[in-house]
Amino acid sequence: MTVNFTPTQILAGIGVLLVLVAVWRYSARKARRAADAARASSRVVSLASRVLLTGAGFVGVQWLVLAHVHNPTLVLVVLGVPDLIAAYVLTRAVTVTSMDTTSTGASRRRGGGRR
């Protein structure tokens, strides 16, 4: 059994293969973008839950000390330590320490993945 292809059939087959590869690459990129977006949104939710949990812990300890302890030094410590922690975190958050040059595209790798 012999298979004979005409040049037109060979070119059509190569064209179909190229289209399949292009569609496959496009779908892989789209899936990667969707996964990155899902990761970014889960980071926001995770951060928000940690902030709320820590804030609830601070409020609970402050309420206990203010309601049941009449030592002014302890009250000042309980009210002052969370303020110092918040000031430290906010100062670090708004302080620029370096320039991010990866977003310009000059140092991006082809393929978009880690290597």
PDB file of N, CA and C in Angstrom:
ATOM      1  N   MET A   1       0.837  -1.162   0.000  1.00  0.00           N
ATOM      2  CA  MET A   1       0.000   0.000   0.000  1.00  0.00           C
ATOM      3  C   MET A   1       0.892   1.238   0.000  1.00  0.00           C
ATOM      4  N   THR A   2       0.675   2.076  -0.955  1.00  0.00           N
ATOM      5  CA  THR A   2       1.454   3.313  -1.077  1.00  0.00           C
ATOM      6  C   THR A   2       0.533   4.520  -0.935  1.00  0.00           C
ATOM      7  N   VAL A   3       1.061   5.491  -0.275  1.00  0.00           N
ATOM      8  CA  VAL A   3       0.303   6.729  -0.108  1.00  0.00           C
ATOM      9  C   VAL A   3       1.013   7.802  -0.916  1.00  0.00           C
ATOM     10  N   ASN A   4       0.318   8.400  -1.797  1.00  0.00           N
ATOM     11  CA  ASN A   4       0.883   9.466  -2.630  1.00  0.00           C
ATOM     12  C   ASN A   4       0.143  10.765  -2.315  1.00  0.00           C
ATOM     13  N   PHE A   5       0.908  11.746  -1.882  1.00  0.00           N
ATOM     14  CA  PHE A   5       0.332  13.058  -1.600  1.00  0.00           C
ATOM     15  C   PHE A   5       0.794  14.045  -2.656  1.00  0.00           C
ATOM     16  N   THR A   6      -0.100  14.930  -3.013  1.00  0.00           N
ATOM     17  CA  THR A   6       0.261  15.992  -3.943  1.00  0.00           C
ATOM     18  C   THR A   6       0.900  17.125  -3.129  1.00  0.00           C
ATOM     19  N   PRO A   7       1.648  18.005  -3.768  1.00  0.00           N
ATOM     20  CA  PRO A   7       2.230  19.133  -3.030  1.00  0.00           C
ATOM     21  C   PRO A   7       1.173  19.999  -2.344  1.00  0.00           C
ATOM     22  N   THR A   8       0.013  20.120  -2.935  1.00  0.00           N
ATOM     23  CA  THR A   8      -1.066  20.895  -2.318  1.00  0.00           C
ATOM     24  C   THR A   8      -1.537  20.236  -1.027  1.00  0.00           C
ATOM     25  N   GLN A   9      -1.661  18.927  -1.032  1.00  0.00           N
ATOM     26  CA  GLN A   9      -2.075  18.210   0.174  1.00  0.00           C
ATOM     27  C   GLN A   9      -1.021  18.323   1.276  1.00  0.00           C
ATOM     28  N   ILE A  10       0.257  18.265   0.914  1.00  0.00           N
ATOM     29  CA  ILE A  10       1.327  18.402   1.904  1.00  0.00           C
ATOM     30  C   ILE A  10       1.304  19.798   2.521  1.00  0.00           C
ATOM     31  N   LEU A  11       1.162  20.832   1.681  1.00  0.00           N
ATOM     32  CA  LEU A  11       1.093  22.204   2.205  1.00  0.00           C
ATOM     33  C   LEU A  11      -0.138  22.401   3.086  1.00  0.00           C
ATOM     34  N   ALA A  12      -1.262  21.808   2.684  1.00  0.00           N
ATOM     35  CA  ALA A  12      -2.480  21.911   3.503  1.00  0.00           C
ATOM     36  C   ALA A  12      -2.265  21.228   4.852  1.00  0.00           C
ATOM     37  N   GLY A  13      -1.608  20.079   4.870  1.00  0.00           N
ATOM     38  CA  GLY A  13      -1.325  19.372   6.128  1.00  0.00           C
ATOM     39  C   GLY A  13      -0.413  20.179   7.036  1.00  0.00           C
ATOM     40  N   ILE A  14       0.631  20.793   6.447  1.00  0.00           N
ATOM     41  CA  ILE A  14       1.534  21.640   7.236  1.00  0.00           C
ATOM     42  C   ILE A  14       0.771  22.846   7.789  1.00  0.00           C
ATOM     43  N   GLY A  15      -0.107  23.421   6.975  1.00  0.00           N
ATOM     44  CA  GLY A  15      -0.920  24.554   7.436  1.00  0.00           C
ATOM     45  C   GLY A  15      -1.821  24.180   8.594  1.00  0.00           C
ATOM     46  N   VAL A  16      -2.445  23.023   8.516  1.00  0.00           N
ATOM     47  CA  VAL A  16      -3.317  22.553   9.600  1.00  0.00           C
ATOM     48  C   VAL A  16      -2.495  22.341  10.869  1.00  0.00           C
ATOM     49  N   LEU A  17      -1.312  21.752  10.728  1.00  0.00           N
ATOM     50  CA  LEU A  17      -0.453  21.551  11.901  1.00  0.00           C
ATOM     51  C   LEU A  17      -0.041  22.880  12.531  1.00  0.00           C
ATOM     52  N   LEU A  18       0.295  23.870  11.694  1.00  0.00           N
ATOM     53  CA  LEU A  18       0.662  25.186  12.226  1.00  0.00           C
ATOM     54  C   LEU A  18      -0.505  25.849  12.958  1.00  0.00           C
ATOM     55  N   VAL A  19      -1.708  25.720  12.405  1.00  0.00           N
ATOM     56  CA  VAL A  19      -2.889  26.283  13.075  1.00  0.00           C
ATOM     57  C   VAL A  19      -3.129  25.585  14.410  1.00  0.00           C
ATOM     58  N   LEU A  20      -2.984  24.258  14.447  1.00  0.00           N
ATOM     59  CA  LEU A  20      -3.165  23.526  15.706  1.00  0.00           C
ATOM     60  C   LEU A  20      -2.151  23.954  16.754  1.00  0.00           C
ATOM     61  N   VAL A  21      -0.901  24.125  16.366  1.00  0.00           N
ATOM     62  CA  VAL A  21       0.133  24.577  17.309  1.00  0.00           C
ATOM     63  C   VAL A  21      -0.173  25.983  17.804  1.00  0.00           C
ATOM     64  N   ALA A  22      -0.611  26.873  16.909  1.00  0.00           N
ATOM     65  CA  ALA A  22      -0.940  28.243  17.309  1.00  0.00           C
ATOM     66  C   ALA A  22      -2.110  28.264  18.290  1.00  0.00           C
ATOM     67  N   VAL A  23      -3.138  27.478  18.027  1.00  0.00           N
ATOM     68  CA  VAL A  23      -4.289  27.415  18.938  1.00  0.00           C
ATOM     69  C   VAL A  23      -3.872  26.847  20.286  1.00  0.00           C
ATOM     70  N   TRP A  24      -3.034  25.822  20.261  1.00  0.00           N
ATOM     71  CA  TRP A  24      -2.572  25.217  21.509  1.00  0.00           C
ATOM     72  C   TRP A  24      -1.777  26.223  22.340  1.00  0.00           C
ATOM     73  N   ARG A  25      -0.877  26.989  21.695  1.00  0.00           N
ATOM     74  CA  ARG A  25      -0.080  27.983  22.414  1.00  0.00           C
ATOM     75  C   ARG A  25      -0.958  29.102  22.960  1.00  0.00           C
ATOM     76  N   TYR A  26      -1.930  29.538  22.176  1.00  0.00           N
ATOM     77  CA  TYR A  26      -2.842  30.589  22.618  1.00  0.00           C
ATOM     78  C   TYR A  26      -3.625  30.138  23.845  1.00  0.00           C
ATOM     79  N   SER A  27      -4.129  28.904  23.813  1.00  0.00           N
ATOM     80  CA  SER A  27      -4.906  28.419  24.953  1.00  0.00           C
ATOM     81  C   SER A  27      -4.027  28.241  26.181  1.00  0.00           C
ATOM     82  N   ALA A  28      -2.775  27.846  25.998  1.00  0.00           N
ATOM     83  CA  ALA A  28      -1.868  27.708  27.140  1.00  0.00           C
ATOM     84  C   ALA A  28      -1.588  29.067  27.772  1.00  0.00           C
ATOM     85  N   ARG A  29      -1.390  30.085  26.935  1.00  0.00           N
ATOM     86  CA  ARG A  29      -1.162  31.429  27.463  1.00  0.00           C
ATOM     87  C   ARG A  29      -2.387  31.955  28.194  1.00  0.00           C
ATOM     88  N   LYS A  30      -3.542  31.706  27.617  1.00  0.00           N
ATOM     89  CA  LYS A  30      -4.779  32.171  28.239  1.00  0.00           C
ATOM     90  C   LYS A  30      -4.993  31.474  29.585  1.00  0.00           C
ATOM     91  N   ALA A  31      -4.709  30.185  29.653  1.00  0.00           N
ATOM     92  CA  ALA A  31      -4.846  29.450  30.911  1.00  0.00           C
ATOM     93  C   ALA A  31      -3.853  29.963  31.947  1.00  0.00           C
ATOM     94  N   ARG A  32      -2.646  30.290  31.515  1.00  0.00           N
ATOM     95  CA  ARG A  32      -1.639  30.820  32.443  1.00  0.00           C
ATOM     96  C   ARG A  32      -2.086  32.170  32.992  1.00  0.00           C
ATOM     97  N   ARG A  33      -2.634  33.031  32.117  1.00  0.00           N
ATOM     98  CA  ARG A  33      -3.128  34.329  32.586  1.00  0.00           C
ATOM     99  C   ARG A  33      -4.268  34.161  33.579  1.00  0.00           C
ATOM    100  N   ALA A  34      -5.163  33.216  33.315  1.00  0.00           N
ATOM    101  CA  ALA A  34      -6.273  32.974  34.236  1.00  0.00           C
ATOM    102  C   ALA A  34      -5.759  32.461  35.577  1.00  0.00           C
ATOM    103  N   ALA A  35      -4.762  31.589  35.552  1.00  0.00           N
ATOM    104  CA  ALA A  35      -4.195  31.070  36.798  1.00  0.00           C
ATOM    105  C   ALA A  35      -3.500  32.182  37.588  1.00  0.00           C
ATOM    106  N   ASP A  36      -2.780  33.072  36.890  1.00  0.00           N
ATOM    107  CA  ASP A  36      -2.126  34.194  37.563  1.00  0.00           C
ATOM    108  C   ASP A  36      -3.154  35.124  38.201  1.00  0.00           C
ATOM    109  N   ALA A  37      -4.242  35.374  37.496  1.00  0.00           N
ATOM    110  CA  ALA A  37      -5.296  36.236  38.042  1.00  0.00           C
ATOM    111  C   ALA A  37      -5.936  35.594  39.269  1.00  0.00           C
ATOM    112  N   ALA A  38      -6.150  34.291  39.227  1.00  0.00           N
ATOM    113  CA  ALA A  38      -6.738  33.605  40.379  1.00  0.00           C
ATOM    114  C   ALA A  38      -5.787  33.652  41.569  1.00  0.00           C
ATOM    115  N   ARG A  39      -4.485  33.483  41.299  1.00  0.00           N
ATOM    116  CA  ARG A  39      -3.507  33.557  42.385  1.00  0.00           C
ATOM    117  C   ARG A  39      -3.477  34.941  43.006  1.00  0.00           C
ATOM    118  N   ALA A  40      -3.542  35.972  42.174  1.00  0.00           N
ATOM    119  CA  ALA A  40      -3.507  37.341  42.680  1.00  0.00           C
ATOM    120  C   ALA A  40      -4.734  37.632  43.539  1.00  0.00           C
ATOM    121  N   SER A  41      -5.901  37.183  43.111  1.00  0.00           N
ATOM    122  CA  SER A  41      -7.104  37.444  43.906  1.00  0.00           C
ATOM    123  C   SER A  41      -7.094  36.645  45.198  1.00  0.00           C
ATOM    124  N   SER A  42      -6.530  35.448  45.182  1.00  0.00           N
ATOM    125  CA  SER A  42      -6.477  34.682  46.426  1.00  0.00           C
ATOM    126  C   SER A  42      -5.489  35.303  47.401  1.00  0.00           C
ATOM    127  N   ARG A  43      -4.438  35.960  46.884  1.00  0.00           N
ATOM    128  CA  ARG A  43      -3.511  36.668  47.770  1.00  0.00           C
ATOM    129  C   ARG A  43      -4.222  37.796  48.495  1.00  0.00           C
ATOM    130  N   VAL A  44      -5.080  38.521  47.768  1.00  0.00           N
ATOM    131  CA  VAL A  44      -5.805  39.636  48.376  1.00  0.00           C
ATOM    132  C   VAL A  44      -6.730  39.126  49.476  1.00  0.00           C
ATOM    133  N   VAL A  45      -7.438  38.044  49.209  1.00  0.00           N
ATOM    134  CA  VAL A  45      -8.348  37.477  50.208  1.00  0.00           C
ATOM    135  C   VAL A  45      -7.565  36.968  51.405  1.00  0.00           C
ATOM    136  N   SER A  46      -6.440  36.327  51.170  1.00  0.00           N
ATOM    137  CA  SER A  46      -5.615  35.815  52.250  1.00  0.00           C
ATOM    138  C   SER A  46      -5.089  36.963  53.109  1.00  0.00           C
ATOM    139  N   LEU A  47      -4.626  38.028  52.471  1.00  0.00           N
ATOM    140  CA  LEU A  47      -4.131  39.181  53.208  1.00  0.00           C
ATOM    141  C   LEU A  47      -5.241  39.817  54.023  1.00  0.00           C
ATOM    142  N   ALA A  48      -6.416  39.963  53.441  1.00  0.00           N
ATOM    143  CA  ALA A  48      -7.537  40.578  54.159  1.00  0.00           C
ATOM    144  C   ALA A  48      -7.927  39.738  55.370  1.00  0.00           C
ATOM    145  N   SER A  49      -7.942  38.420  55.226  1.00  0.00           N
ATOM    146  CA  SER A  49      -8.318  37.582  56.369  1.00  0.00           C
ATOM    147  C   SER A  49      -7.266  37.660  57.465  1.00  0.00           C
ATOM    148  N   ARG A  50      -5.983  37.727  57.103  1.00  0.00           N
ATOM    149  CA  ARG A  50      -4.939  37.853  58.133  1.00  0.00           C
ATOM    150  C   ARG A  50      -5.030  39.188  58.852  1.00  0.00           C
ATOM    151  N   VAL A  51      -5.324  40.263  58.098  1.00  0.00           N
ATOM    152  CA  VAL A  51      -5.459  41.579  58.720  1.00  0.00           C
ATOM    153  C   VAL A  51      -6.639  41.585  59.687  1.00  0.00           C
ATOM    154  N   LEU A  52      -7.770  41.023  59.260  1.00  0.00           N
ATOM    155  CA  LEU A  52      -8.942  40.989  60.139  1.00  0.00           C
ATOM    156  C   LEU A  52      -8.705  40.142  61.383  1.00  0.00           C
ATOM    157  N   LEU A  53      -8.059  39.004  61.230  1.00  0.00           N
ATOM    158  CA  LEU A  53      -7.778  38.145  62.373  1.00  0.00           C
ATOM    159  C   LEU A  53      -6.825  38.811  63.355  1.00  0.00           C
ATOM    160  N   THR A  54      -5.780  39.445  62.850  1.00  0.00           N
ATOM    161  CA  THR A  54      -4.840  40.140  63.734  1.00  0.00           C
ATOM    162  C   THR A  54      -5.515  41.320  64.419  1.00  0.00           C
ATOM    163  N   GLY A  55      -6.315  42.065  63.667  1.00  0.00           N
ATOM    164  CA  GLY A  55      -7.043  43.182  64.277  1.00  0.00           C
ATOM    165  C   GLY A  55      -7.994  42.721  65.361  1.00  0.00           C
ATOM    166  N   ALA A  56      -8.680  41.609  65.130  1.00  0.00           N
ATOM    167  CA  ALA A  56      -9.577  41.072  66.157  1.00  0.00           C
ATOM    168  C   ALA A  56      -8.801  40.642  67.388  1.00  0.00           C
ATOM    169  N   GLY A  57      -7.614  40.072  67.198  1.00  0.00           N
ATOM    170  CA  GLY A  57      -6.774  39.692  68.337  1.00  0.00           C
ATOM    171  C   GLY A  57      -6.342  40.900  69.147  1.00  0.00           C
ATOM    172  N   PHE A  58      -5.914  41.971  68.461  1.00  0.00           N
ATOM    173  CA  PHE A  58      -5.516  43.194  69.175  1.00  0.00           C
ATOM    174  C   PHE A  58      -6.684  43.779  69.951  1.00  0.00           C
ATOM    175  N   VAL A  59      -7.838  43.860  69.304  1.00  0.00           N
ATOM    176  CA  VAL A  59      -9.013  44.432  69.965  1.00  0.00           C
ATOM    177  C   VAL A  59      -9.419  43.592  71.178  1.00  0.00           C
ATOM    178  N   GLY A  60      -9.373  42.272  71.037  1.00  0.00           N
ATOM    179  CA  GLY A  60      -9.730  41.400  72.156  1.00  0.00           C
ATOM    180  C   GLY A  60      -8.815  41.578  73.359  1.00  0.00           C
ATOM    181  N   VAL A  61      -7.513  41.615  73.109  1.00  0.00           N
ATOM    182  CA  VAL A  61      -6.565  41.802  74.215  1.00  0.00           C
ATOM    183  C   VAL A  61      -6.743  43.179  74.837  1.00  0.00           C
ATOM    184  N   GLN A  62      -6.922  44.206  74.011  1.00  0.00           N
ATOM    185  CA  GLN A  62      -7.130  45.550  74.549  1.00  0.00           C
ATOM    186  C   GLN A  62      -8.401  45.624  75.387  1.00  0.00           C
ATOM    187  N   TRP A  63      -9.455  45.009  74.917  1.00  0.00           N
ATOM    188  CA  TRP A  63     -10.707  45.025  75.667  1.00  0.00           C
ATOM    189  C   TRP A  63     -10.533  44.330  77.016  1.00  0.00           C
ATOM    190  N   LEU A  64      -9.876  43.171  77.017  1.00  0.00           N
ATOM    191  CA  LEU A  64      -9.654  42.461  78.282  1.00  0.00           C
ATOM    192  C   LEU A  64      -8.870  43.305  79.270  1.00  0.00           C
ATOM    193  N   VAL A  65      -7.792  43.933  78.826  1.00  0.00           N
ATOM    194  CA  VAL A  65      -6.962  44.724  79.734  1.00  0.00           C
ATOM    195  C   VAL A  65      -7.711  45.963  80.206  1.00  0.00           C
ATOM    196  N   LEU A  66      -8.393  46.648  79.308  1.00  0.00           N
ATOM    197  CA  LEU A  66      -9.103  47.864  79.705  1.00  0.00           C
ATOM    198  C   LEU A  66     -10.278  47.568  80.635  1.00  0.00           C
ATOM    199  N   ALA A  67     -10.925  46.434  80.447  1.00  0.00           N
ATOM    200  CA  ALA A  67     -12.100  46.117  81.250  1.00  0.00           C
ATOM    201  C   ALA A  67     -11.748  45.549  82.625  1.00  0.00           C
ATOM    202  N   HIS A  68     -10.601  44.862  82.727  1.00  0.00           N
ATOM    203  CA  HIS A  68     -10.349  44.124  83.965  1.00  0.00           C
ATOM    204  C   HIS A  68      -9.077  44.523  84.703  1.00  0.00           C
ATOM    205  N   VAL A  69      -8.217  45.319  84.125  1.00  0.00           N
ATOM    206  CA  VAL A  69      -6.965  45.687  84.789  1.00  0.00           C
ATOM    207  C   VAL A  69      -6.945  47.197  84.984  1.00  0.00           C
ATOM    208  N   HIS A  70      -6.506  47.623  86.178  1.00  0.00           N
ATOM    209  CA  HIS A  70      -6.490  49.054  86.477  1.00  0.00           C
ATOM    210  C   HIS A  70      -5.073  49.559  86.666  1.00  0.00           C
ATOM    211  N   ASN A  71      -4.119  48.937  85.998  1.00  0.00           N
ATOM    212  CA  ASN A  71      -2.728  49.362  86.037  1.00  0.00           C
ATOM    213  C   ASN A  71      -2.460  50.270  84.839  1.00  0.00           C
ATOM    214  N   PRO A  72      -2.161  51.570  85.063  1.00  0.00           N
ATOM    215  CA  PRO A  72      -1.993  52.501  83.932  1.00  0.00           C
ATOM    216  C   PRO A  72      -0.826  52.130  83.001  1.00  0.00           C
ATOM    217  N   THR A  73       0.237  51.559  83.552  1.00  0.00           N
ATOM    218  CA  THR A  73       1.374  51.180  82.717  1.00  0.00           C
ATOM    219  C   THR A  73       0.979  50.070  81.747  1.00  0.00           C
ATOM    220  N   LEU A  74       0.280  49.077  82.251  1.00  0.00           N
ATOM    221  CA  LEU A  74      -0.167  47.976  81.399  1.00  0.00           C
ATOM    222  C   LEU A  74      -1.134  48.471  80.331  1.00  0.00           C
ATOM    223  N   VAL A  75      -2.003  49.410  80.688  1.00  0.00           N
ATOM    224  CA  VAL A  75      -2.947  49.968  79.719  1.00  0.00           C
ATOM    225  C   VAL A  75      -2.187  50.699  78.607  1.00  0.00           C
ATOM    226  N   LEU A  76      -1.170  51.487  78.988  1.00  0.00           N
ATOM    227  CA  LEU A  76      -0.379  52.190  77.975  1.00  0.00           C
ATOM    228  C   LEU A  76       0.362  51.214  77.059  1.00  0.00           C
ATOM    229  N   VAL A  77       0.900  50.131  77.616  1.00  0.00           N
ATOM    230  CA  VAL A  77       1.602  49.143  76.806  1.00  0.00           C
ATOM    231  C   VAL A  77       0.637  48.466  75.845  1.00  0.00           C
ATOM    232  N   VAL A  78      -0.526  48.082  76.354  1.00  0.00           N
ATOM    233  CA  VAL A  78      -1.499  47.373  75.514  1.00  0.00           C
ATOM    234  C   VAL A  78      -2.026  48.271  74.400  1.00  0.00           C
ATOM    235  N   LEU A  79      -2.157  49.557  74.649  1.00  0.00           N
ATOM    236  CA  LEU A  79      -2.623  50.471  73.614  1.00  0.00           C
ATOM    237  C   LEU A  79      -1.485  50.932  72.697  1.00  0.00           C
ATOM    238  N   GLY A  80      -0.254  50.964  73.200  1.00  0.00           N
ATOM    239  CA  GLY A  80       0.872  51.483  72.426  1.00  0.00           C
ATOM    240  C   GLY A  80       1.514  50.479  71.489  1.00  0.00           C
ATOM    241  N   VAL A  81       1.612  49.210  71.886  1.00  0.00           N
ATOM    242  CA  VAL A  81       2.296  48.212  71.059  1.00  0.00           C
ATOM    243  C   VAL A  81       1.601  48.014  69.704  1.00  0.00           C
ATOM    244  N   PRO A  82       0.292  47.880  69.634  1.00  0.00           N
ATOM    245  CA  PRO A  82      -0.339  47.768  68.307  1.00  0.00           C
ATOM    246  C   PRO A  82      -0.124  49.012  67.441  1.00  0.00           C
ATOM    247  N   ASP A  83      -0.079  50.188  68.066  1.00  0.00           N
ATOM    248  CA  ASP A  83       0.192  51.402  67.298  1.00  0.00           C
ATOM    249  C   ASP A  83       1.596  51.379  66.706  1.00  0.00           C
ATOM    250  N   LEU A  84       2.571  50.917  67.475  1.00  0.00           N
ATOM    251  CA  LEU A  84       3.933  50.825  66.968  1.00  0.00           C
ATOM    252  C   LEU A  84       4.033  49.817  65.821  1.00  0.00           C
ATOM    253  N   ILE A  85       3.359  48.692  65.951  1.00  0.00           N
ATOM    254  CA  ILE A  85       3.371  47.685  64.885  1.00  0.00           C
ATOM    255  C   ILE A  85       2.720  48.241  63.624  1.00  0.00           C
ATOM    256  N   ALA A  86       1.588  48.918  63.779  1.00  0.00           N
ATOM    257  CA  ALA A  86       0.903  49.496  62.622  1.00  0.00           C
ATOM    258  C   ALA A  86       1.750  50.580  61.960  1.00  0.00           C
ATOM    259  N   ALA A  87       2.417  51.408  62.758  1.00  0.00           N
ATOM    260  CA  ALA A  87       3.276  52.453  62.205  1.00  0.00           C
ATOM    261  C   ALA A  87       4.437  51.839  61.428  1.00  0.00           C
ATOM    262  N   TYR A  88       5.023  50.779  61.946  1.00  0.00           N
ATOM    263  CA  TYR A  88       6.121  50.107  61.259  1.00  0.00           C
ATOM    264  C   TYR A  88       5.658  49.522  59.915  1.00  0.00           C
ATOM    265  N   VAL A  89       4.525  48.841  59.941  1.00  0.00           N
ATOM    266  CA  VAL A  89       4.013  48.216  58.723  1.00  0.00           C
ATOM    267  C   VAL A  89       3.649  49.273  57.680  1.00  0.00           C
ATOM    268  N   LEU A  90       2.988  50.337  58.097  1.00  0.00           N
ATOM    269  CA  LEU A  90       2.616  51.386  57.148  1.00  0.00           C
ATOM    270  C   LEU A  90       3.845  52.104  56.591  1.00  0.00           C
ATOM    271  N   THR A  91       4.839  52.335  57.426  1.00  0.00           N
ATOM    272  CA  THR A  91       6.057  52.985  56.949  1.00  0.00           C
ATOM    273  C   THR A  91       6.754  52.127  55.909  1.00  0.00           C
ATOM    274  N   ARG A  92       6.834  50.841  56.141  1.00  0.00           N
ATOM    275  CA  ARG A  92       7.457  49.950  55.156  1.00  0.00           C
ATOM    276  C   ARG A  92       6.630  49.868  53.876  1.00  0.00           C
ATOM    277  N   ALA A  93       5.313  49.927  54.015  1.00  0.00           N
ATOM    278  CA  ALA A  93       4.448  49.804  52.839  1.00  0.00           C
ATOM    279  C   ALA A  93       4.552  51.015  51.917  1.00  0.00           C
ATOM    280  N   VAL A  94       4.741  52.193  52.464  1.00  0.00           N
ATOM    281  CA  VAL A  94       4.765  53.395  51.629  1.00  0.00           C
ATOM    282  C   VAL A  94       6.175  53.864  51.292  1.00  0.00           C
ATOM    283  N   THR A  95       7.190  53.194  51.799  1.00  0.00           N
ATOM    284  CA  THR A  95       8.561  53.569  51.497  1.00  0.00           C
ATOM    285  C   THR A  95       9.047  52.818  50.268  1.00  0.00           C
ATOM    286  N   VAL A  96       9.550  53.546  49.274  1.00  0.00           N
ATOM    287  CA  VAL A  96      10.084  52.931  48.058  1.00  0.00           C
ATOM    288  C   VAL A  96      11.545  52.605  48.317  1.00  0.00           C
ATOM    289  N   THR A  97      11.901  51.325  48.167  1.00  0.00           N
ATOM    290  CA  THR A  97      13.278  50.932  48.424  1.00  0.00           C
ATOM    291  C   THR A  97      14.045  50.593  47.163  1.00  0.00           C
ATOM    292  N   SER A  98      13.349  50.260  46.068  1.00  0.00           N
ATOM    293  CA  SER A  98      14.037  49.933  44.827  1.00  0.00           C
ATOM    294  C   SER A  98      13.108  50.189  43.651  1.00  0.00           C
ATOM    295  N   MET A  99      13.714  50.275  42.486  1.00  0.00           N
ATOM    296  CA  MET A  99      12.932  50.450  41.267  1.00  0.00           C
ATOM    297  C   MET A  99      12.668  49.086  40.664  1.00  0.00           C
ATOM    298  N   ASP A 100      11.445  48.847  40.277  1.00  0.00           N
ATOM    299  CA  ASP A 100      11.077  47.588  39.644  1.00  0.00           C
ATOM    300  C   ASP A 100      11.237  47.744  38.143  1.00  0.00           C
ATOM    301  N   THR A 101      12.259  47.084  37.570  1.00  0.00           N
ATOM    302  CA  THR A 101      12.527  47.238  36.147  1.00  0.00           C
ATOM    303  C   THR A 101      12.010  46.066  35.330  1.00  0.00           C
ATOM    304  N   THR A 102      11.414  45.067  35.977  1.00  0.00           N
ATOM    305  CA  THR A 102      10.956  43.896  35.232  1.00  0.00           C
ATOM    306  C   THR A 102       9.696  44.179  34.443  1.00  0.00           C
ATOM    307  N   SER A 103       8.950  45.220  34.769  1.00  0.00           N
ATOM    308  CA  SER A 103       7.697  45.481  34.074  1.00  0.00           C
ATOM    309  C   SER A 103       7.909  46.151  32.715  1.00  0.00           C
ATOM    310  N   THR A 104       9.125  46.606  32.406  1.00  0.00           N
ATOM    311  CA  THR A 104       9.351  47.276  31.132  1.00  0.00           C
ATOM    312  C   THR A 104       9.436  46.308  29.979  1.00  0.00           C
ATOM    313  N   GLY A 105       9.666  45.040  30.257  1.00  0.00           N
ATOM    314  CA  GLY A 105       9.734  44.061  29.203  1.00  0.00           C
ATOM    315  C   GLY A 105      11.156  43.796  28.737  1.00  0.00           C
ATOM    316  N   ALA A 106      12.114  44.620  29.176  1.00  0.00           N
ATOM    317  CA  ALA A 106      13.490  44.444  28.720  1.00  0.00           C
ATOM    318  C   ALA A 106      14.115  43.178  29.281  1.00  0.00           C
ATOM    319  N   SER A 107      13.733  42.813  30.492  1.00  0.00           N
ATOM    320  CA  SER A 107      14.358  41.644  31.098  1.00  0.00           C
ATOM    321  C   SER A 107      13.418  40.446  31.185  1.00  0.00           C
ATOM    322  N   ARG A 108      12.303  40.519  30.485  1.00  0.00           N
ATOM    323  CA  ARG A 108      11.368  39.390  30.519  1.00  0.00           C
ATOM    324  C   ARG A 108      11.878  38.259  29.655  1.00  0.00           C
ATOM    325  N   ARG A 109      11.643  37.072  30.132  1.00  0.00           N
ATOM    326  CA  ARG A 109      12.040  35.902  29.359  1.00  0.00           C
ATOM    327  C   ARG A 109      10.933  35.506  28.416  1.00  0.00           C
ATOM    328  N   ARG A 110      11.351  34.864  27.364  1.00  0.00           N
ATOM    329  CA  ARG A 110      10.369  34.379  26.414  1.00  0.00           C
ATOM    330  C   ARG A 110       9.711  33.133  26.983  1.00  0.00           C
ATOM    331  N   GLY A 111       8.442  33.026  26.864  1.00  0.00           N
ATOM    332  CA  GLY A 111       7.721  31.864  27.380  1.00  0.00           C
ATOM    333  C   GLY A 111       6.979  32.174  28.654  1.00  0.00           C
ATOM    334  N   GLY A 112       7.414  33.185  29.403  1.00  0.00           N
ATOM    335  CA  GLY A 112       6.675  33.657  30.558  1.00  0.00           C
ATOM    336  C   GLY A 112       6.807  32.833  31.814  1.00  0.00           C
ATOM    337  N   GLY A 113       7.498  31.706  31.814  1.00  0.00           N
ATOM    338  CA  GLY A 113       7.572  30.878  33.003  1.00  0.00           C
ATOM    339  C   GLY A 113       8.874  31.054  33.760  1.00  0.00           C
ATOM    340  N   ARG A 114       8.927  30.475  34.939  1.00  0.00           N
ATOM    341  CA  ARG A 114      10.158  30.505  35.721  1.00  0.00           C
ATOM    342  C   ARG A 114      11.142  29.501  35.160  1.00  0.00           C
ATOM    343  N   ARG A 115      12.397  29.840  35.313  1.00  0.00           N
ATOM    344  CA  ARG A 115      13.425  28.907  34.844  1.00  0.00           C
ATOM    345  C   ARG A 115      14.518  28.781  35.861  1.00  0.00           C
TER     346      ARG A 115
END
